[in-house]
Amino acid sequence: MRALRFAPVQNDPATLAHYGALFAACFPGTDKFTPAYLDWLYVANPDGAAVGYDAWDGERLAAHYVCVPARAWVEGREVTLLLSLNTATHPDYQGKGLFTKLAEMTYQLGAQSGFDGCYGVANSNSTPGFVRKLGFQLVRPLEARIGLGSLRHAAKAPAASLSFERSWSPQALAWRCANPHNRVWQRRDGERMQFHAAALGHIPAYAELAATGFPVPADSRAPAPLRLFIGLAPNASSRYWNYASIPARLRPSPLNLIWRAFAPHTPKLDAARIQFTFLDFDAY
């Protein structure tokens, strides 16, 4: 094998096709990584184009890692972050530490480009690598609950009192809902916006946001009464009496919120003050 060439990710159709082929080789049977999906995720995001690195063996793509930009409130400051998402190493190149190398190069580029940090959701298998090899903070496991009706959290805490919350502009939220692989439906319900997407059969993933500043959806659909909540609420306002926790043994893989700050002024996250929903990562 010749020496590998490392280069920042590209968003042209030919390179996106290379990414789709790599995902097909690494995850056979997965139909998610279509040209339309990759164009939506890597190019159309109003918060910015994808940031990441590739490893090339000549004209052959050996490994790929990408994050997408996201706005968030972190300890009262609105900042631009990276959301860690897609990673794949071709079976012929696995076991060579390529993911760790590509990730470190991505975070260095992100810091140089003005991003304040990177967050992600990792399963139980990948969390140790992010924490031990890449310096991430394991913030806390996500709640996974099934319940009926609206979330019974207390009045939403102001962003300034939270350690972490996504900052959704109308444009970014419209983009998030337009996921070509799994559309997110939205509906206004009084002072709250309801969001839901296909998840567990007839049980949708469900989230709520304050309706202030968001237009009334042109085509809305009410979520099914039985709903799945994947996320976090601040300890001081979490009220889950109508949502029962899914036992860990019944979950496909427990999910963990992870965080790495790039700038010295950006602190670790306080696990007790996190507002987080399925909208904020790429599970559905």
Protein backbone atom coordinates (compact mmCIF):
# COMPACT_ATOMS: atom_id res chain seq x y z
CA MET A 1 0.00 0.00 0.00
CA ARG A 2 1.38 3.41 -1.01
CA ALA A 3 1.45 6.33 1.43
CA LEU A 4 -2.01 7.70 2.04
CA ARG A 5 -2.95 11.25 1.11
CA PHE A 6 -5.01 13.25 3.63
CA ALA A 7 -7.26 16.04 2.37
CA PRO A 8 -10.23 18.08 3.60
CA VAL A 9 -13.64 16.77 2.56
CA GLN A 10 -15.10 18.02 -0.72
CA ASN A 11 -18.74 18.56 -1.64
CA ASP A 12 -18.76 18.17 -5.42
CA PRO A 13 -21.06 15.44 -6.86
CA ALA A 14 -18.16 13.16 -7.86
CA THR A 15 -16.66 13.17 -4.36
CA LEU A 16 -20.07 12.73 -2.73
CA ALA A 17 -20.45 9.63 -4.93
CA HIS A 18 -17.14 8.32 -3.52
CA TYR A 19 -18.54 8.85 0.00
CA GLY A 20 -21.72 6.97 -0.87
CA ALA A 21 -19.69 4.05 -2.23
CA LEU A 22 -17.56 3.95 0.93
CA PHE A 23 -20.63 3.89 3.17
CA ALA A 24 -22.09 1.08 1.04
CA ALA A 25 -18.90 -0.96 1.51
CA CYS A 26 -18.77 -0.31 5.26
CA PHE A 27 -22.48 -0.60 6.04
CA PRO A 28 -24.03 -3.09 3.57
CA GLY A 29 -27.80 -2.99 3.51
CA THR A 30 -28.00 0.65 4.62
CA ASP A 31 -29.97 2.81 2.19
CA LYS A 32 -29.45 6.12 3.98
CA PHE A 33 -26.43 7.55 2.20
CA THR A 34 -27.98 8.53 -1.12
CA PRO A 35 -26.71 11.45 -3.23
CA ALA A 36 -29.75 13.49 -2.13
CA TYR A 37 -29.07 12.79 1.55
CA LEU A 38 -25.35 13.61 1.35
CA ASP A 39 -26.05 16.81 -0.60
CA TRP A 40 -28.63 17.82 2.03
CA LEU A 41 -26.31 17.05 4.96
CA TYR A 42 -22.96 18.23 3.58
CA VAL A 43 -23.93 21.14 1.32
CA ALA A 44 -27.39 22.57 2.08
CA ASN A 45 -26.99 23.22 5.82
CA PRO A 46 -27.59 26.98 6.32
CA ASP A 47 -25.13 26.97 9.25
CA GLY A 48 -22.33 25.98 6.88
CA ALA A 49 -20.86 23.22 4.72
CA ALA A 50 -19.45 20.01 6.17
CA VAL A 51 -16.01 20.02 7.79
CA GLY A 52 -13.83 16.91 7.83
CA TYR A 53 -10.98 14.93 6.36
CA ASP A 54 -10.50 12.02 3.96
CA ALA A 55 -7.71 9.48 3.54
CA TRP A 56 -7.01 8.54 -0.08
CA ASP A 57 -4.96 5.65 -1.45
CA GLY A 58 -4.39 6.97 -4.94
CA GLU A 59 -7.90 7.36 -6.37
CA ARG A 60 -9.38 5.01 -3.77
CA LEU A 61 -11.11 6.45 -0.71
CA ALA A 62 -9.76 4.64 2.34
CA ALA A 63 -11.47 6.54 5.17
CA HIS A 64 -13.75 9.49 5.77
CA TYR A 65 -14.79 11.57 8.78
CA VAL A 66 -17.13 14.56 8.75
CA CYS A 67 -18.83 17.03 11.09
CA VAL A 68 -21.48 19.61 10.26
CA PRO A 69 -21.70 23.16 11.67
CA ALA A 70 -24.35 23.97 14.27
CA ARG A 71 -25.26 27.00 16.36
CA ALA A 72 -25.73 26.51 20.11
CA TRP A 73 -25.89 28.29 23.44
CA VAL A 74 -23.02 27.22 25.69
CA GLU A 75 -23.02 28.74 29.18
CA GLY A 76 -24.87 31.83 27.98
CA ARG A 77 -22.82 32.41 24.82
CA GLU A 78 -24.17 31.71 21.34
CA VAL A 79 -21.37 29.93 19.50
CA THR A 80 -20.73 27.93 16.34
CA LEU A 81 -19.87 24.30 16.93
CA LEU A 82 -19.24 21.11 15.00
CA LEU A 83 -21.59 18.15 15.29
CA SER A 84 -19.65 14.90 14.92
CA LEU A 85 -21.44 12.64 12.45
CA ASN A 86 -20.28 10.31 9.70
CA THR A 87 -17.21 8.14 9.92
CA ALA A 88 -16.25 5.18 7.78
CA THR A 89 -13.06 3.23 7.07
CA HIS A 90 -12.98 0.78 4.18
CA PRO A 91 -12.56 -2.83 5.41
CA ASP A 92 -9.20 -3.05 3.62
CA TYR A 93 -7.81 -0.18 5.73
CA GLN A 94 -9.27 -0.84 9.16
CA GLY A 95 -7.07 -1.25 12.23
CA LYS A 96 -4.61 1.44 11.14
CA GLY A 97 -5.86 4.27 13.37
CA LEU A 98 -7.26 6.28 10.48
CA PHE A 99 -10.38 7.46 12.29
CA THR A 100 -8.37 8.97 15.14
CA LYS A 101 -6.01 10.70 12.71
CA LEU A 102 -8.84 12.11 10.57
CA ALA A 103 -10.74 13.25 13.66
CA GLU A 104 -7.76 15.14 15.11
CA MET A 105 -7.13 16.82 11.76
CA THR A 106 -10.81 17.80 11.59
CA TYR A 107 -10.78 19.34 15.08
CA GLN A 108 -7.59 21.27 14.31
CA LEU A 109 -9.21 22.63 11.15
CA GLY A 110 -12.36 23.43 13.10
CA ALA A 111 -10.44 25.37 15.74
CA GLN A 112 -8.50 27.28 13.08
CA SER A 113 -11.79 28.09 11.32
CA GLY A 114 -13.33 29.67 14.41
CA PHE A 115 -15.48 26.87 15.78
CA ASP A 116 -15.68 26.79 19.59
CA GLY A 117 -15.99 23.03 20.06
CA CYS A 118 -17.49 19.76 18.92
CA TYR A 119 -20.35 17.73 20.32
CA GLY A 120 -21.82 14.40 19.35
CA VAL A 121 -23.82 11.40 20.42
CA ALA A 122 -21.83 8.18 20.69
CA ASN A 123 -22.96 4.65 21.40
CA SER A 124 -21.42 2.46 24.08
CA ASN A 125 -18.85 1.01 21.65
CA SER A 126 -17.50 4.31 20.31
CA THR A 127 -17.68 6.43 23.47
CA PRO A 128 -14.41 5.10 25.03
CA GLY A 129 -12.45 5.97 21.90
CA PHE A 130 -13.77 9.54 21.83
CA VAL A 131 -13.01 9.98 25.53
CA ARG A 132 -9.61 8.25 25.81
CA LYS A 133 -8.09 8.98 22.40
CA LEU A 134 -9.71 12.26 21.38
CA GLY A 135 -10.15 14.09 24.68
CA PHE A 136 -13.92 14.30 24.75
CA GLN A 137 -15.93 14.80 27.92
CA LEU A 138 -18.57 12.14 28.54
CA VAL A 139 -21.36 14.52 29.58
CA ARG A 140 -24.09 12.01 30.40
CA PRO A 141 -26.22 9.24 28.85
CA LEU A 142 -29.31 10.39 27.00
CA GLU A 143 -32.75 9.67 28.39
CA ALA A 144 -34.74 7.16 26.36
CA ARG A 145 -38.42 7.20 27.30
CA ILE A 146 -41.80 6.26 25.86
CA GLY A 147 -44.90 8.15 26.90
CA LEU A 148 -48.23 9.68 26.00
CA GLY A 149 -48.86 13.23 24.89
CA SER A 150 -46.81 16.36 25.45
CA LEU A 151 -43.63 16.48 27.50
CA ARG A 152 -44.48 17.60 31.02
CA HIS A 153 -41.33 19.59 31.69
CA ALA A 154 -41.64 22.72 33.75
CA ALA A 155 -41.47 26.08 32.00
CA LYS A 156 -38.49 26.16 29.66
CA ALA A 157 -35.34 27.57 31.23
CA PRO A 158 -33.80 30.63 29.53
CA ALA A 159 -30.77 29.86 27.38
CA ALA A 160 -28.53 31.93 29.67
CA SER A 161 -29.18 29.51 32.55
CA LEU A 162 -28.32 26.40 30.54
CA SER A 163 -24.96 24.79 29.92
CA PHE A 164 -25.96 23.61 26.44
CA GLU A 165 -28.89 24.11 24.07
CA ARG A 166 -29.04 24.16 20.27
CA SER A 167 -29.85 27.56 18.76
CA TRP A 168 -32.26 26.95 15.90
CA SER A 169 -32.90 29.68 13.34
CA PRO A 170 -36.05 29.30 11.19
CA GLN A 171 -33.79 28.49 8.22
CA ALA A 172 -31.77 25.84 10.07
CA LEU A 173 -34.91 24.26 11.50
CA ALA A 174 -36.53 24.10 8.05
CA TRP A 175 -33.38 22.41 6.75
CA ARG A 176 -33.39 19.91 9.62
CA CYS A 177 -37.01 19.00 8.95
CA ALA A 178 -36.29 18.47 5.23
CA ASN A 179 -34.10 15.40 5.83
CA PRO A 180 -34.68 13.38 2.61
CA HIS A 181 -34.05 10.09 4.43
CA ASN A 182 -36.51 10.70 7.26
CA ARG A 183 -38.62 13.84 7.17
CA VAL A 184 -39.35 15.63 10.43
CA TRP A 185 -42.95 16.80 10.75
CA GLN A 186 -43.83 19.88 12.75
CA ARG A 187 -47.01 21.27 14.23
CA ARG A 188 -47.81 24.33 16.31
CA ASP A 189 -49.61 23.60 19.57
CA GLY A 190 -50.25 26.85 21.42
CA GLU A 191 -46.94 28.26 22.59
CA ARG A 192 -45.02 25.12 21.68
CA MET A 193 -43.85 23.60 18.41
CA GLN A 194 -44.14 19.82 18.21
CA PHE A 195 -41.69 17.80 16.08
CA HIS A 196 -41.83 14.12 15.22
CA ALA A 197 -40.11 11.68 12.88
CA ALA A 198 -40.37 7.96 12.17
CA ALA A 199 -38.46 5.94 14.77
CA LEU A 200 -39.80 2.73 16.34
CA GLY A 201 -42.50 1.39 14.06
CA HIS A 202 -45.60 3.44 14.83
CA ILE A 203 -43.90 5.24 17.74
CA PRO A 204 -42.32 8.51 16.50
CA ALA A 205 -39.34 10.31 17.95
CA TYR A 206 -40.75 13.43 19.58
CA ALA A 207 -39.48 16.87 20.63
CA GLU A 208 -40.85 20.27 21.56
CA LEU A 209 -39.52 23.82 21.17
CA ALA A 210 -40.93 27.21 22.12
CA ALA A 211 -42.93 28.53 19.14
CA THR A 212 -41.62 32.10 19.42
CA GLY A 213 -39.93 33.20 16.23
CA PHE A 214 -40.97 30.24 14.09
CA PRO A 215 -43.59 30.44 11.33
CA VAL A 216 -46.71 28.30 11.40
CA PRO A 217 -45.98 25.18 9.31
CA ALA A 218 -47.73 25.12 5.94
CA ASP A 219 -48.36 21.38 6.12
CA SER A 220 -48.51 19.97 9.63
CA ARG A 221 -49.26 16.54 10.99
CA ALA A 222 -50.15 15.66 14.57
CA PRO A 223 -47.87 13.07 16.18
CA ALA A 224 -49.23 9.74 17.35
CA PRO A 225 -50.28 9.75 21.02
CA LEU A 226 -47.55 7.25 22.00
CA ARG A 227 -44.15 8.91 21.57
CA LEU A 228 -40.40 8.36 22.01
CA PHE A 229 -38.28 10.95 23.80
CA ILE A 230 -34.52 10.73 23.21
CA GLY A 231 -32.65 13.58 24.85
CA LEU A 232 -32.07 15.50 28.03
CA ALA A 233 -33.81 18.14 30.14
CA PRO A 234 -32.25 20.21 32.92
CA ASN A 235 -32.43 18.45 36.26
CA ALA A 236 -34.29 21.39 37.78
CA SER A 237 -37.13 21.20 35.25
CA SER A 238 -37.30 17.55 34.18
CA ARG A 239 -40.75 16.07 34.80
CA TYR A 240 -41.19 12.66 33.20
CA TRP A 241 -44.29 11.40 34.99
CA ASN A 242 -46.06 10.62 31.71
CA TYR A 243 -42.94 9.13 30.04
CA ALA A 244 -41.50 5.83 31.29
CA SER A 245 -37.79 5.06 30.98
CA ILE A 246 -36.86 2.28 28.55
CA PRO A 247 -34.71 -0.27 30.44
CA ALA A 248 -31.10 -0.27 29.25
CA ARG A 249 -31.29 -3.96 28.34
CA LEU A 250 -34.08 -3.17 25.84
CA ARG A 251 -32.26 -0.33 24.09
CA PRO A 252 -30.34 -1.18 20.88
CA SER A 253 -27.38 0.77 22.28
CA PRO A 254 -27.34 3.35 25.07
CA LEU A 255 -26.40 6.77 23.68
CA ASN A 256 -24.07 9.27 25.33
CA LEU A 257 -23.70 13.01 24.84
CA ILE A 258 -20.01 13.85 24.35
CA TRP A 259 -18.25 17.22 24.14
CA ARG A 260 -14.85 18.66 23.33
CA ALA A 261 -14.02 22.37 23.63
CA PHE A 262 -11.58 23.93 21.15
CA ALA A 263 -11.10 27.35 22.74
CA PRO A 264 -9.69 27.99 26.25
CA HIS A 265 -12.69 30.18 27.13
CA THR A 266 -15.16 27.40 26.29
CA PRO A 267 -15.81 25.29 29.41
CA LYS A 268 -16.83 21.73 30.00
CA LEU A 269 -20.57 21.14 30.03
CA ASP A 270 -22.60 20.84 33.22
CA ALA A 271 -24.55 17.60 32.91
CA ALA A 272 -27.34 18.95 35.14
CA ARG A 273 -28.16 21.86 32.80
CA ILE A 274 -28.56 20.36 29.33
CA GLN A 275 -31.50 20.84 26.94
CA PHE A 276 -31.24 18.27 24.13
CA THR A 277 -33.64 16.53 21.72
CA PHE A 278 -33.54 14.22 18.73
CA LEU A 279 -33.50 17.33 16.52
CA ASP A 280 -30.02 18.14 17.80
CA PHE A 281 -28.28 15.08 16.35
CA ASP A 282 -28.74 12.64 13.49
CA ALA A 283 -30.50 9.66 15.05
CA TYR A 284 -33.76 10.11 13.10
